[in-house]
Amino acid sequence: ALRYAEALDCPRLHAMAGVVPAEADAATREAHRATYIANLRHAA
């Protein structure tokens, strides 16, 4: 995405979060949350 943003002089990029399985339990949802926070910190 940054390769394209540089070429297009695009100042904003949206990181889509993804879908949680419908059958996910509380532990799975917590794993998604922790992954999301860590990935967003790296991306930011």
PDB file of all heavy atoms in Angstrom:
ATOM      1  N   ALA A   1       0.826  -1.210   0.000  1.00  0.00           N
ATOM      2  CA  ALA A   1       0.000   0.000   0.000  1.00  0.00           C
ATOM      3  C   ALA A   1       0.859   1.258   0.000  1.00  0.00           C
ATOM      4  O   ALA A   1       0.540   2.240  -0.696  1.00  0.00           O
ATOM      5  CB  ALA A   1      -0.938  -0.007   1.203  1.00  0.00           C
ATOM      6  N   LEU A   2       1.932   1.259   0.757  1.00  0.00           N
ATOM      7  CA  LEU A   2       2.804   2.438   0.801  1.00  0.00           C
ATOM      8  C   LEU A   2       3.499   2.671  -0.530  1.00  0.00           C
ATOM      9  O   LEU A   2       3.764   3.819  -0.905  1.00  0.00           O
ATOM     10  CB  LEU A   2       3.823   2.294   1.928  1.00  0.00           C
ATOM     11  CG  LEU A   2       3.279   2.550   3.333  1.00  0.00           C
ATOM     12  CD1 LEU A   2       4.331   2.198   4.382  1.00  0.00           C
ATOM     13  CD2 LEU A   2       2.845   4.005   3.499  1.00  0.00           C
ATOM     14  N   ARG A   3       3.788   1.606  -1.273  1.00  0.00           N
ATOM     15  CA  ARG A   3       4.377   1.770  -2.601  1.00  0.00           C
ATOM     16  C   ARG A   3       3.416   2.544  -3.502  1.00  0.00           C
ATOM     17  O   ARG A   3       3.819   3.468  -4.226  1.00  0.00           O
ATOM     18  CB  ARG A   3       4.697   0.392  -3.190  1.00  0.00           C
ATOM     19  CG  ARG A   3       5.372   0.440  -4.553  1.00  0.00           C
ATOM     20  CD  ARG A   3       5.863  -0.927  -4.957  1.00  0.00           C
ATOM     21  NE  ARG A   3       4.791  -1.825  -5.328  1.00  0.00           N
ATOM     22  CZ  ARG A   3       4.300  -1.937  -6.566  1.00  0.00           C
ATOM     23  NH1 ARG A   3       4.793  -1.186  -7.545  1.00  0.00           N
ATOM     24  NH2 ARG A   3       3.344  -2.798  -6.834  1.00  0.00           N
ATOM     25  N   TYR A   4       2.147   2.203  -3.451  1.00  0.00           N
ATOM     26  CA  TYR A   4       1.148   2.918  -4.241  1.00  0.00           C
ATOM     27  C   TYR A   4       0.920   4.330  -3.697  1.00  0.00           C
ATOM     28  O   TYR A   4       0.771   5.286  -4.469  1.00  0.00           O
ATOM     29  CB  TYR A   4      -0.170   2.142  -4.251  1.00  0.00           C
ATOM     30  CG  TYR A   4      -0.217   1.065  -5.303  1.00  0.00           C
ATOM     31  CD1 TYR A   4       0.364  -0.175  -5.081  1.00  0.00           C
ATOM     32  CD2 TYR A   4      -0.831   1.282  -6.528  1.00  0.00           C
ATOM     33  CE1 TYR A   4       0.329  -1.177  -6.049  1.00  0.00           C
ATOM     34  CE2 TYR A   4      -0.877   0.301  -7.510  1.00  0.00           C
ATOM     35  CZ  TYR A   4      -0.291  -0.929  -7.265  1.00  0.00           C
ATOM     36  OH  TYR A   4      -0.321  -1.898  -8.230  1.00  0.00           O
ATOM     37  N   ALA A   5       0.874   4.453  -2.377  1.00  0.00           N
ATOM     38  CA  ALA A   5       0.634   5.778  -1.787  1.00  0.00           C
ATOM     39  C   ALA A   5       1.724   6.765  -2.181  1.00  0.00           C
ATOM     40  O   ALA A   5       1.441   7.947  -2.424  1.00  0.00           O
ATOM     41  CB  ALA A   5       0.545   5.660  -0.272  1.00  0.00           C
ATOM     42  N   GLU A   6       2.947   6.288  -2.254  1.00  0.00           N
ATOM     43  CA  GLU A   6       4.056   7.162  -2.662  1.00  0.00           C
ATOM     44  C   GLU A   6       3.865   7.619  -4.105  1.00  0.00           C
ATOM     45  O   GLU A   6       4.005   8.806  -4.420  1.00  0.00           O
ATOM     46  CB  GLU A   6       5.371   6.407  -2.516  1.00  0.00           C
ATOM     47  CG  GLU A   6       6.594   7.176  -3.005  1.00  0.00           C
ATOM     48  CD  GLU A   6       6.930   8.384  -2.145  1.00  0.00           C
ATOM     49  OE1 GLU A   6       6.509   8.418  -0.961  1.00  0.00           O
ATOM     50  OE2 GLU A   6       7.613   9.295  -2.659  1.00  0.00           O
ATOM     51  N   ALA A   7       3.529   6.702  -4.984  1.00  0.00           N
ATOM     52  CA  ALA A   7       3.361   7.041  -6.398  1.00  0.00           C
ATOM     53  C   ALA A   7       2.169   7.961  -6.623  1.00  0.00           C
ATOM     54  O   ALA A   7       2.195   8.826  -7.507  1.00  0.00           O
ATOM     55  CB  ALA A   7       3.198   5.767  -7.224  1.00  0.00           C
ATOM     56  N   LEU A   8       1.111   7.785  -5.830  1.00  0.00           N
ATOM     57  CA  LEU A   8      -0.129   8.534  -6.035  1.00  0.00           C
ATOM     58  C   LEU A   8      -0.249   9.734  -5.115  1.00  0.00           C
ATOM     59  O   LEU A   8      -1.251  10.459  -5.178  1.00  0.00           O
ATOM     60  CB  LEU A   8      -1.329   7.605  -5.826  1.00  0.00           C
ATOM     61  CG  LEU A   8      -1.346   6.332  -6.691  1.00  0.00           C
ATOM     62  CD1 LEU A   8      -2.564   5.491  -6.367  1.00  0.00           C
ATOM     63  CD2 LEU A   8      -1.291   6.680  -8.166  1.00  0.00           C
ATOM     64  N   ASP A   9       0.746   9.933  -4.254  1.00  0.00           N
ATOM     65  CA  ASP A   9       0.732  11.028  -3.280  1.00  0.00           C
ATOM     66  C   ASP A   9      -0.559  10.985  -2.462  1.00  0.00           C
ATOM     67  O   ASP A   9      -1.227  12.001  -2.266  1.00  0.00           O
ATOM     68  CB  ASP A   9       0.875  12.380  -3.985  1.00  0.00           C
ATOM     69  CG  ASP A   9       1.203  13.508  -3.006  1.00  0.00           C
ATOM     70  OD1 ASP A   9       1.752  13.208  -1.923  1.00  0.00           O
ATOM     71  OD2 ASP A   9       0.902  14.672  -3.319  1.00  0.00           O
ATOM     72  N   CYS A  10      -0.888   9.799  -1.984  1.00  0.00           N
ATOM     73  CA  CYS A  10      -2.129   9.591  -1.234  1.00  0.00           C
ATOM     74  C   CYS A  10      -1.831   9.680   0.261  1.00  0.00           C
ATOM     75  O   CYS A  10      -1.020   8.905   0.777  1.00  0.00           O
ATOM     76  CB  CYS A  10      -2.722   8.224  -1.561  1.00  0.00           C
ATOM     77  SG  CYS A  10      -4.288   7.904  -0.734  1.00  0.00           S
ATOM     78  N   PRO A  11      -2.472  10.589   0.983  1.00  0.00           N
ATOM     79  CA  PRO A  11      -2.116  10.817   2.376  1.00  0.00           C
ATOM     80  C   PRO A  11      -2.780   9.878   3.369  1.00  0.00           C
ATOM     81  O   PRO A  11      -2.384   9.835   4.536  1.00  0.00           O
ATOM     82  CB  PRO A  11      -2.595  12.247   2.631  1.00  0.00           C
ATOM     83  CG  PRO A  11      -3.756  12.408   1.706  1.00  0.00           C
ATOM     84  CD  PRO A  11      -3.425  11.603   0.479  1.00  0.00           C
ATOM     85  N   ARG A  12      -3.815   9.120   2.948  1.00  0.00           N
ATOM     86  CA  ARG A  12      -4.594   8.303   3.880  1.00  0.00           C
ATOM     87  C   ARG A  12      -4.744   6.891   3.356  1.00  0.00           C
ATOM     88  O   ARG A  12      -5.068   6.695   2.175  1.00  0.00           O
ATOM     89  CB  ARG A  12      -6.003   8.885   4.080  1.00  0.00           C
ATOM     90  CG  ARG A  12      -6.038  10.295   4.583  1.00  0.00           C
ATOM     91  CD  ARG A  12      -7.430  10.899   4.448  1.00  0.00           C
ATOM     92  NE  ARG A  12      -7.353  12.362   4.534  1.00  0.00           N
ATOM     93  CZ  ARG A  12      -7.074  13.148   3.507  1.00  0.00           C
ATOM     94  NH1 ARG A  12      -6.872  12.628   2.300  1.00  0.00           N
ATOM     95  NH2 ARG A  12      -7.002  14.456   3.679  1.00  0.00           N
ATOM     96  N   LEU A  13      -4.572   5.924   4.241  1.00  0.00           N
ATOM     97  CA  LEU A  13      -4.777   4.517   3.907  1.00  0.00           C
ATOM     98  C   LEU A  13      -5.681   3.892   4.956  1.00  0.00           C
ATOM     99  O   LEU A  13      -5.500   4.099   6.153  1.00  0.00           O
ATOM    100  CB  LEU A  13      -3.444   3.776   3.861  1.00  0.00           C
ATOM    101  CG  LEU A  13      -2.417   4.272   2.846  1.00  0.00           C
ATOM    102  CD1 LEU A  13      -1.093   3.537   3.018  1.00  0.00           C
ATOM    103  CD2 LEU A  13      -2.941   4.095   1.424  1.00  0.00           C
ATOM    104  N   HIS A  14      -6.645   3.121   4.496  1.00  0.00           N
ATOM    105  CA  HIS A  14      -7.595   2.462   5.386  1.00  0.00           C
ATOM    106  C   HIS A  14      -7.227   0.991   5.544  1.00  0.00           C
ATOM    107  O   HIS A  14      -7.107   0.264   4.554  1.00  0.00           O
ATOM    108  CB  HIS A  14      -9.013   2.591   4.815  1.00  0.00           C
ATOM    109  CG  HIS A  14     -10.037   1.773   5.526  1.00  0.00           C
ATOM    110  ND1 HIS A  14     -11.072   1.157   4.869  1.00  0.00           N
ATOM    111  CD2 HIS A  14     -10.181   1.458   6.839  1.00  0.00           C
ATOM    112  CE1 HIS A  14     -11.817   0.510   5.745  1.00  0.00           C
ATOM    113  NE2 HIS A  14     -11.300   0.670   6.942  1.00  0.00           N
ATOM    114  N   ALA A  15      -7.070   0.551   6.791  1.00  0.00           N
ATOM    115  CA  ALA A  15      -6.793  -0.849   7.096  1.00  0.00           C
ATOM    116  C   ALA A  15      -8.094  -1.535   7.493  1.00  0.00           C
ATOM    117  O   ALA A  15      -8.626  -1.276   8.578  1.00  0.00           O
ATOM    118  CB  ALA A  15      -5.766  -0.964   8.219  1.00  0.00           C
ATOM    119  N   MET A  16      -8.615  -2.377   6.632  1.00  0.00           N
ATOM    120  CA  MET A  16      -9.835  -3.099   6.963  1.00  0.00           C
ATOM    121  C   MET A  16      -9.554  -4.139   8.038  1.00  0.00           C
ATOM    122  O   MET A  16      -8.513  -4.814   8.025  1.00  0.00           O
ATOM    123  CB  MET A  16     -10.419  -3.761   5.717  1.00  0.00           C
ATOM    124  CG  MET A  16     -10.870  -2.764   4.654  1.00  0.00           C
ATOM    125  SD  MET A  16     -11.786  -3.543   3.300  1.00  0.00           S
ATOM    126  CE  MET A  16     -13.347  -3.909   4.125  1.00  0.00           C
ATOM    127  N   ALA A  17     -10.494  -4.284   8.971  1.00  0.00           N
ATOM    128  CA  ALA A  17     -10.257  -5.101  10.160  1.00  0.00           C
ATOM    129  C   ALA A  17     -10.376  -6.588   9.901  1.00  0.00           C
ATOM    130  O   ALA A  17      -9.656  -7.395  10.505  1.00  0.00           O
ATOM    131  CB  ALA A  17     -11.247  -4.694  11.262  1.00  0.00           C
ATOM    132  N   GLY A  18     -11.296  -6.985   9.035  1.00  0.00           N
ATOM    133  CA  GLY A  18     -11.530  -8.397   8.812  1.00  0.00           C
ATOM    134  C   GLY A  18     -12.762  -8.897   9.530  1.00  0.00           C
ATOM    135  O   GLY A  18     -13.353  -8.220  10.371  1.00  0.00           O
ATOM    136  N   VAL A  19     -13.140 -10.116   9.199  1.00  0.00           N
ATOM    137  CA  VAL A  19     -14.364 -10.744   9.696  1.00  0.00           C
ATOM    138  C   VAL A  19     -14.033 -11.767  10.769  1.00  0.00           C
ATOM    139  O   VAL A  19     -13.095 -12.564  10.622  1.00  0.00           O
ATOM    140  CB  VAL A  19     -15.125 -11.406   8.531  1.00  0.00           C
ATOM    141  CG1 VAL A  19     -16.323 -12.202   9.026  1.00  0.00           C
ATOM    142  CG2 VAL A  19     -15.562 -10.341   7.523  1.00  0.00           C
ATOM    143  N   VAL A  20     -14.814 -11.749  11.841  1.00  0.00           N
ATOM    144  CA  VAL A  20     -14.700 -12.734  12.913  1.00  0.00           C
ATOM    145  C   VAL A  20     -15.687 -13.865  12.628  1.00  0.00           C
ATOM    146  O   VAL A  20     -16.856 -13.593  12.315  1.00  0.00           O
ATOM    147  CB  VAL A  20     -15.014 -12.094  14.284  1.00  0.00           C
ATOM    148  CG1 VAL A  20     -14.886 -13.126  15.401  1.00  0.00           C
ATOM    149  CG2 VAL A  20     -14.105 -10.908  14.536  1.00  0.00           C
ATOM    150  N   PRO A  21     -15.280 -15.129  12.702  1.00  0.00           N
ATOM    151  CA  PRO A  21     -16.213 -16.236  12.440  1.00  0.00           C
ATOM    152  C   PRO A  21     -17.455 -16.157  13.329  1.00  0.00           C
ATOM    153  O   PRO A  21     -17.373 -15.807  14.506  1.00  0.00           O
ATOM    154  CB  PRO A  21     -15.386 -17.482  12.753  1.00  0.00           C
ATOM    155  CG  PRO A  21     -13.962 -17.046  12.603  1.00  0.00           C
ATOM    156  CD  PRO A  21     -13.922 -15.613  13.029  1.00  0.00           C
ATOM    157  N   ALA A  22     -18.599 -16.495  12.757  1.00  0.00           N
ATOM    158  CA  ALA A  22     -19.853 -16.401  13.501  1.00  0.00           C
ATOM    159  C   ALA A  22     -19.851 -17.265  14.749  1.00  0.00           C
ATOM    160  O   ALA A  22     -20.487 -16.932  15.750  1.00  0.00           O
ATOM    161  CB  ALA A  22     -21.010 -16.800  12.585  1.00  0.00           C
ATOM    162  N   GLU A  23     -19.119 -18.368  14.707  1.00  0.00           N
ATOM    163  CA  GLU A  23     -19.096 -19.295  15.842  1.00  0.00           C
ATOM    164  C   GLU A  23     -18.000 -18.966  16.854  1.00  0.00           C
ATOM    165  O   GLU A  23     -17.773 -19.719  17.800  1.00  0.00           O
ATOM    166  CB  GLU A  23     -18.900 -20.731  15.336  1.00  0.00           C
ATOM    167  CG  GLU A  23     -17.538 -21.019  14.704  1.00  0.00           C
ATOM    168  CD  GLU A  23     -17.402 -20.574  13.253  1.00  0.00           C
ATOM    169  OE1 GLU A  23     -18.342 -19.898  12.748  1.00  0.00           O
ATOM    170  OE2 GLU A  23     -16.372 -20.894  12.635  1.00  0.00           O
ATOM    171  N   ALA A  24     -17.332 -17.824  16.685  1.00  0.00           N
ATOM    172  CA  ALA A  24     -16.198 -17.486  17.555  1.00  0.00           C
ATOM    173  C   ALA A  24     -16.630 -17.362  19.014  1.00  0.00           C
ATOM    174  O   ALA A  24     -17.662 -16.756  19.322  1.00  0.00           O
ATOM    175  CB  ALA A  24     -15.559 -16.187  17.091  1.00  0.00           C
ATOM    176  N   ASP A  25     -15.830 -17.926  19.918  1.00  0.00           N
ATOM    177  CA  ASP A  25     -16.090 -17.788  21.347  1.00  0.00           C
ATOM    178  C   ASP A  25     -15.349 -16.571  21.882  1.00  0.00           C
ATOM    179  O   ASP A  25     -14.674 -15.846  21.131  1.00  0.00           O
ATOM    180  CB  ASP A  25     -15.692 -19.056  22.098  1.00  0.00           C
ATOM    181  CG  ASP A  25     -14.215 -19.434  21.912  1.00  0.00           C
ATOM    182  OD1 ASP A  25     -13.419 -18.580  21.454  1.00  0.00           O
ATOM    183  OD2 ASP A  25     -13.868 -20.579  22.230  1.00  0.00           O
ATOM    184  N   ALA A  26     -15.456 -16.341  23.181  1.00  0.00           N
ATOM    185  CA  ALA A  26     -14.855 -15.150  23.783  1.00  0.00           C
ATOM    186  C   ALA A  26     -13.342 -15.137  23.615  1.00  0.00           C
ATOM    187  O   ALA A  26     -12.738 -14.081  23.368  1.00  0.00           O
ATOM    188  CB  ALA A  26     -15.225 -15.073  25.257  1.00  0.00           C
ATOM    189  N   ALA A  27     -12.707 -16.287  23.735  1.00  0.00           N
ATOM    190  CA  ALA A  27     -11.249 -16.344  23.586  1.00  0.00           C
ATOM    191  C   ALA A  27     -10.822 -15.992  22.164  1.00  0.00           C
ATOM    192  O   ALA A  27      -9.816 -15.297  21.957  1.00  0.00           O
ATOM    193  CB  ALA A  27     -10.748 -17.740  23.968  1.00  0.00           C
ATOM    194  N   THR A  28     -11.583 -16.458  21.196  1.00  0.00           N
ATOM    195  CA  THR A  28     -11.265 -16.145  19.797  1.00  0.00           C
ATOM    196  C   THR A  28     -11.432 -14.657  19.525  1.00  0.00           C
ATOM    197  O   THR A  28     -10.608 -14.026  18.856  1.00  0.00           O
ATOM    198  CB  THR A  28     -12.164 -16.957  18.855  1.00  0.00           C
ATOM    199  OG1 THR A  28     -11.929 -18.351  19.076  1.00  0.00           O
ATOM    200  CG2 THR A  28     -11.867 -16.626  17.397  1.00  0.00           C
ATOM    201  N   ARG A  29     -12.487 -14.086  20.043  1.00  0.00           N
ATOM    202  CA  ARG A  29     -12.716 -12.660  19.844  1.00  0.00           C
ATOM    203  C   ARG A  29     -11.624 -11.823  20.520  1.00  0.00           C
ATOM    204  O   ARG A  29     -11.193 -10.803  19.981  1.00  0.00           O
ATOM    205  CB  ARG A  29     -14.103 -12.276  20.361  1.00  0.00           C
ATOM    206  CG  ARG A  29     -15.219 -12.880  19.528  1.00  0.00           C
ATOM    207  CD  ARG A  29     -16.601 -12.470  19.991  1.00  0.00           C
ATOM    208  NE  ARG A  29     -17.626 -13.127  19.188  1.00  0.00           N
ATOM    209  CZ  ARG A  29     -18.023 -12.728  17.985  1.00  0.00           C
ATOM    210  NH1 ARG A  29     -17.490 -11.629  17.458  1.00  0.00           N
ATOM    211  NH2 ARG A  29     -18.946 -13.394  17.315  1.00  0.00           N
ATOM    212  N   GLU A  30     -11.165 -12.279  21.663  1.00  0.00           N
ATOM    213  CA  GLU A  30     -10.077 -11.573  22.333  1.00  0.00           C
ATOM    214  C   GLU A  30      -8.795 -11.677  21.515  1.00  0.00           C
ATOM    215  O   GLU A  30      -8.014 -10.715  21.439  1.00  0.00           O
ATOM    216  CB  GLU A  30      -9.861 -12.127  23.731  1.00  0.00           C
ATOM    217  CG  GLU A  30      -8.646 -11.573  24.466  1.00  0.00           C
ATOM    218  CD  GLU A  30      -8.647 -10.051  24.591  1.00  0.00           C
ATOM    219  OE1 GLU A  30      -9.734  -9.427  24.572  1.00  0.00           O
ATOM    220  OE2 GLU A  30      -7.544  -9.478  24.709  1.00  0.00           O
ATOM    221  N   ALA A  31      -8.560 -12.818  20.888  1.00  0.00           N
ATOM    222  CA  ALA A  31      -7.380 -12.971  20.033  1.00  0.00           C
ATOM    223  C   ALA A  31      -7.454 -12.021  18.849  1.00  0.00           C
ATOM    224  O   ALA A  31      -6.440 -11.429  18.443  1.00  0.00           O
ATOM    225  CB  ALA A  31      -7.267 -14.416  19.556  1.00  0.00           C
ATOM    226  N   HIS A  32      -8.642 -11.836  18.286  1.00  0.00           N
ATOM    227  CA  HIS A  32      -8.816 -10.870  17.192  1.00  0.00           C
ATOM    228  C   HIS A  32      -8.520  -9.459  17.689  1.00  0.00           C
ATOM    229  O   HIS A  32      -7.836  -8.682  16.998  1.00  0.00           O
ATOM    230  CB  HIS A  32     -10.239 -10.946  16.634  1.00  0.00           C
ATOM    231  CG  HIS A  32     -10.423 -12.004  15.601  1.00  0.00           C
ATOM    232  ND1 HIS A  32     -10.391 -11.754  14.251  1.00  0.00           N
ATOM    233  CD2 HIS A  32     -10.637 -13.335  15.723  1.00  0.00           C
ATOM    234  CE1 HIS A  32     -10.582 -12.867  13.577  1.00  0.00           C
ATOM    235  NE2 HIS A  32     -10.743 -13.851  14.446  1.00  0.00           N
ATOM    236  N   ARG A  33      -9.010  -9.131  18.869  1.00  0.00           N
ATOM    237  CA  ARG A  33      -8.793  -7.782  19.392  1.00  0.00           C
ATOM    238  C   ARG A  33      -7.306  -7.520  19.617  1.00  0.00           C
ATOM    239  O   ARG A  33      -6.774  -6.469  19.221  1.00  0.00           O
ATOM    240  CB  ARG A  33      -9.549  -7.590  20.709  1.00  0.00           C
ATOM    241  CG  ARG A  33      -9.510  -6.151  21.239  1.00  0.00           C
ATOM    242  CD  ARG A  33      -9.795  -6.081  22.722  1.00  0.00           C
ATOM    243  NE  ARG A  33      -8.737  -6.746  23.478  1.00  0.00           N
ATOM    244  CZ  ARG A  33      -7.558  -6.193  23.757  1.00  0.00           C
ATOM    245  NH1 ARG A  33      -7.260  -4.979  23.337  1.00  0.00           N
ATOM    246  NH2 ARG A  33      -6.650  -6.870  24.433  1.00  0.00           N
ATOM    247  N   ALA A  34      -6.617  -8.467  20.237  1.00  0.00           N
ATOM    248  CA  ALA A  34      -5.191  -8.282  20.511  1.00  0.00           C
ATOM    249  C   ALA A  34      -4.385  -8.185  19.217  1.00  0.00           C
ATOM    250  O   ALA A  34      -3.456  -7.370  19.109  1.00  0.00           O
ATOM    251  CB  ALA A  34      -4.687  -9.441  21.377  1.00  0.00           C
ATOM    252  N   THR A  35      -4.739  -9.004  18.248  1.00  0.00           N
ATOM    253  CA  THR A  35      -4.061  -8.948  16.947  1.00  0.00           C
ATOM    254  C   THR A  35      -4.303  -7.610  16.269  1.00  0.00           C
ATOM    255  O   THR A  35      -3.376  -7.010  15.687  1.00  0.00           O
ATOM    256  CB  THR A  35      -4.556 -10.091  16.050  1.00  0.00           C
ATOM    257  OG1 THR A  35      -4.297 -11.346  16.688  1.00  0.00           O
ATOM    258  CG2 THR A  35      -3.868 -10.062  14.691  1.00  0.00           C
ATOM    259  N   TYR A  36      -5.521  -7.146  16.336  1.00  0.00           N
ATOM    260  CA  TYR A  36      -5.893  -5.862  15.722  1.00  0.00           C
ATOM    261  C   TYR A  36      -5.079  -4.718  16.315  1.00  0.00           C
ATOM    262  O   TYR A  36      -4.492  -3.913  15.574  1.00  0.00           O
ATOM    263  CB  TYR A  36      -7.380  -5.636  15.966  1.00  0.00           C
ATOM    264  CG  TYR A  36      -8.022  -4.521  15.182  1.00  0.00           C
ATOM    265  CD1 TYR A  36      -7.827  -4.368  13.817  1.00  0.00           C
ATOM    266  CD2 TYR A  36      -8.904  -3.645  15.822  1.00  0.00           C
ATOM    267  CE1 TYR A  36      -8.454  -3.364  13.113  1.00  0.00           C
ATOM    268  CE2 TYR A  36      -9.552  -2.642  15.118  1.00  0.00           C
ATOM    269  CZ  TYR A  36      -9.321  -2.504  13.761  1.00  0.00           C
ATOM    270  OH  TYR A  36      -9.961  -1.505  13.051  1.00  0.00           O
ATOM    271  N   ILE A  37      -5.000  -4.658  17.626  1.00  0.00           N
ATOM    272  CA  ILE A  37      -4.258  -3.577  18.281  1.00  0.00           C
ATOM    273  C   ILE A  37      -2.783  -3.641  17.904  1.00  0.00           C
ATOM    274  O   ILE A  37      -2.162  -2.613  17.553  1.00  0.00           O
ATOM    275  CB  ILE A  37      -4.430  -3.646  19.817  1.00  0.00           C
ATOM    276  CG1 ILE A  37      -5.904  -3.475  20.202  1.00  0.00           C
ATOM    277  CG2 ILE A  37      -3.570  -2.589  20.491  1.00  0.00           C
ATOM    278  CD1 ILE A  37      -6.557  -2.219  19.732  1.00  0.00           C
ATOM    279  N   ALA A  38      -2.192  -4.823  17.945  1.00  0.00           N
ATOM    280  CA  ALA A  38      -0.767  -4.962  17.617  1.00  0.00           C
ATOM    281  C   ALA A  38      -0.496  -4.595  16.165  1.00  0.00           C
ATOM    282  O   ALA A  38       0.487  -3.902  15.854  1.00  0.00           O
ATOM    283  CB  ALA A  38      -0.307  -6.388  17.910  1.00  0.00           C
ATOM    284  N   ASN A  39      -1.359  -5.066  15.265  1.00  0.00           N
ATOM    285  CA  ASN A  39      -1.159  -4.763  13.849  1.00  0.00           C
ATOM    286  C   ASN A  39      -1.328  -3.278  13.559  1.00  0.00           C
ATOM    287  O   ASN A  39      -0.582  -2.698  12.748  1.00  0.00           O
ATOM    288  CB  ASN A  39      -2.138  -5.568  13.003  1.00  0.00           C
ATOM    289  CG  ASN A  39      -1.654  -6.971  12.697  1.00  0.00           C
ATOM    290  OD1 ASN A  39      -0.462  -7.255  12.761  1.00  0.00           O
ATOM    291  ND2 ASN A  39      -2.577  -7.861  12.381  1.00  0.00           N
ATOM    292  N   LEU A  40      -2.297  -2.642  14.199  1.00  0.00           N
ATOM    293  CA  LEU A  40      -2.494  -1.213  13.971  1.00  0.00           C
ATOM    294  C   LEU A  40      -1.323  -0.398  14.510  1.00  0.00           C
ATOM    295  O   LEU A  40      -0.934   0.613  13.898  1.00  0.00           O
ATOM    296  CB  LEU A  40      -3.804  -0.743  14.595  1.00  0.00           C
ATOM    297  CG  LEU A  40      -5.082  -1.248  13.924  1.00  0.00           C
ATOM    298  CD1 LEU A  40      -6.307  -0.776  14.695  1.00  0.00           C
ATOM    299  CD2 LEU A  40      -5.169  -0.814  12.459  1.00  0.00           C
ATOM    300  N   ARG A  41      -0.765  -0.807  15.637  1.00  0.00           N
ATOM    301  CA  ARG A  41       0.412  -0.098  16.150  1.00  0.00           C
ATOM    302  C   ARG A  41       1.563  -0.174  15.145  1.00  0.00           C
ATOM    303  O   ARG A  41       2.236   0.830  14.868  1.00  0.00           O
ATOM    304  CB  ARG A  41       0.842  -0.698  17.489  1.00  0.00           C
ATOM    305  CG  ARG A  41      -0.029  -0.273  18.658  1.00  0.00           C
ATOM    306  CD  ARG A  41       0.384  -0.952  19.941  1.00  0.00           C
ATOM    307  NE  ARG A  41      -0.451  -0.513  21.063  1.00  0.00           N
ATOM    308  CZ  ARG A  41      -0.672  -1.229  22.152  1.00  0.00           C
ATOM    309  NH1 ARG A  41      -0.117  -2.431  22.286  1.00  0.00           N
ATOM    310  NH2 ARG A  41      -1.455  -0.761  23.107  1.00  0.00           N
ATOM    311  N   HIS A  42       1.768  -1.367  14.594  1.00  0.00           N
ATOM    312  CA  HIS A  42       2.841  -1.512  13.604  1.00  0.00           C
ATOM    313  C   HIS A  42       2.543  -0.688  12.349  1.00  0.00           C
ATOM    314  O   HIS A  42       3.417   0.026  11.842  1.00  0.00           O
ATOM    315  CB  HIS A  42       3.005  -2.981  13.235  1.00  0.00           C
ATOM    316  CG  HIS A  42       3.990  -3.201  12.136  1.00  0.00           C
ATOM    317  ND1 HIS A  42       5.354  -3.163  12.337  1.00  0.00           N
ATOM    318  CD2 HIS A  42       3.812  -3.418  10.797  1.00  0.00           C
ATOM    319  CE1 HIS A  42       5.968  -3.364  11.193  1.00  0.00           C
ATOM    320  NE2 HIS A  42       5.063  -3.513  10.245  1.00  0.00           N
ATOM    321  N   ALA A  43       1.306  -0.777  11.854  1.00  0.00           N
ATOM    322  CA  ALA A  43       0.958  -0.059  10.633  1.00  0.00           C
ATOM    323  C   ALA A  43       1.059   1.445  10.822  1.00  0.00           C
ATOM    324  O   ALA A  43       1.569   2.164   9.951  1.00  0.00           O
ATOM    325  CB  ALA A  43      -0.457  -0.442  10.196  1.00  0.00           C
ATOM    326  N   ALA A  44       0.583   1.945  11.962  1.00  0.00           N
ATOM    327  CA  ALA A  44       0.650   3.386  12.220  1.00  0.00           C
ATOM    328  C   ALA A  44       2.095   3.854  12.256  1.00  0.00           C
ATOM    329  O   ALA A  44       2.418   4.941  11.741  1.00  0.00           O
ATOM    330  CB  ALA A  44      -0.057   3.717  13.526  1.00  0.00           C
TER     331      ALA A  44
END
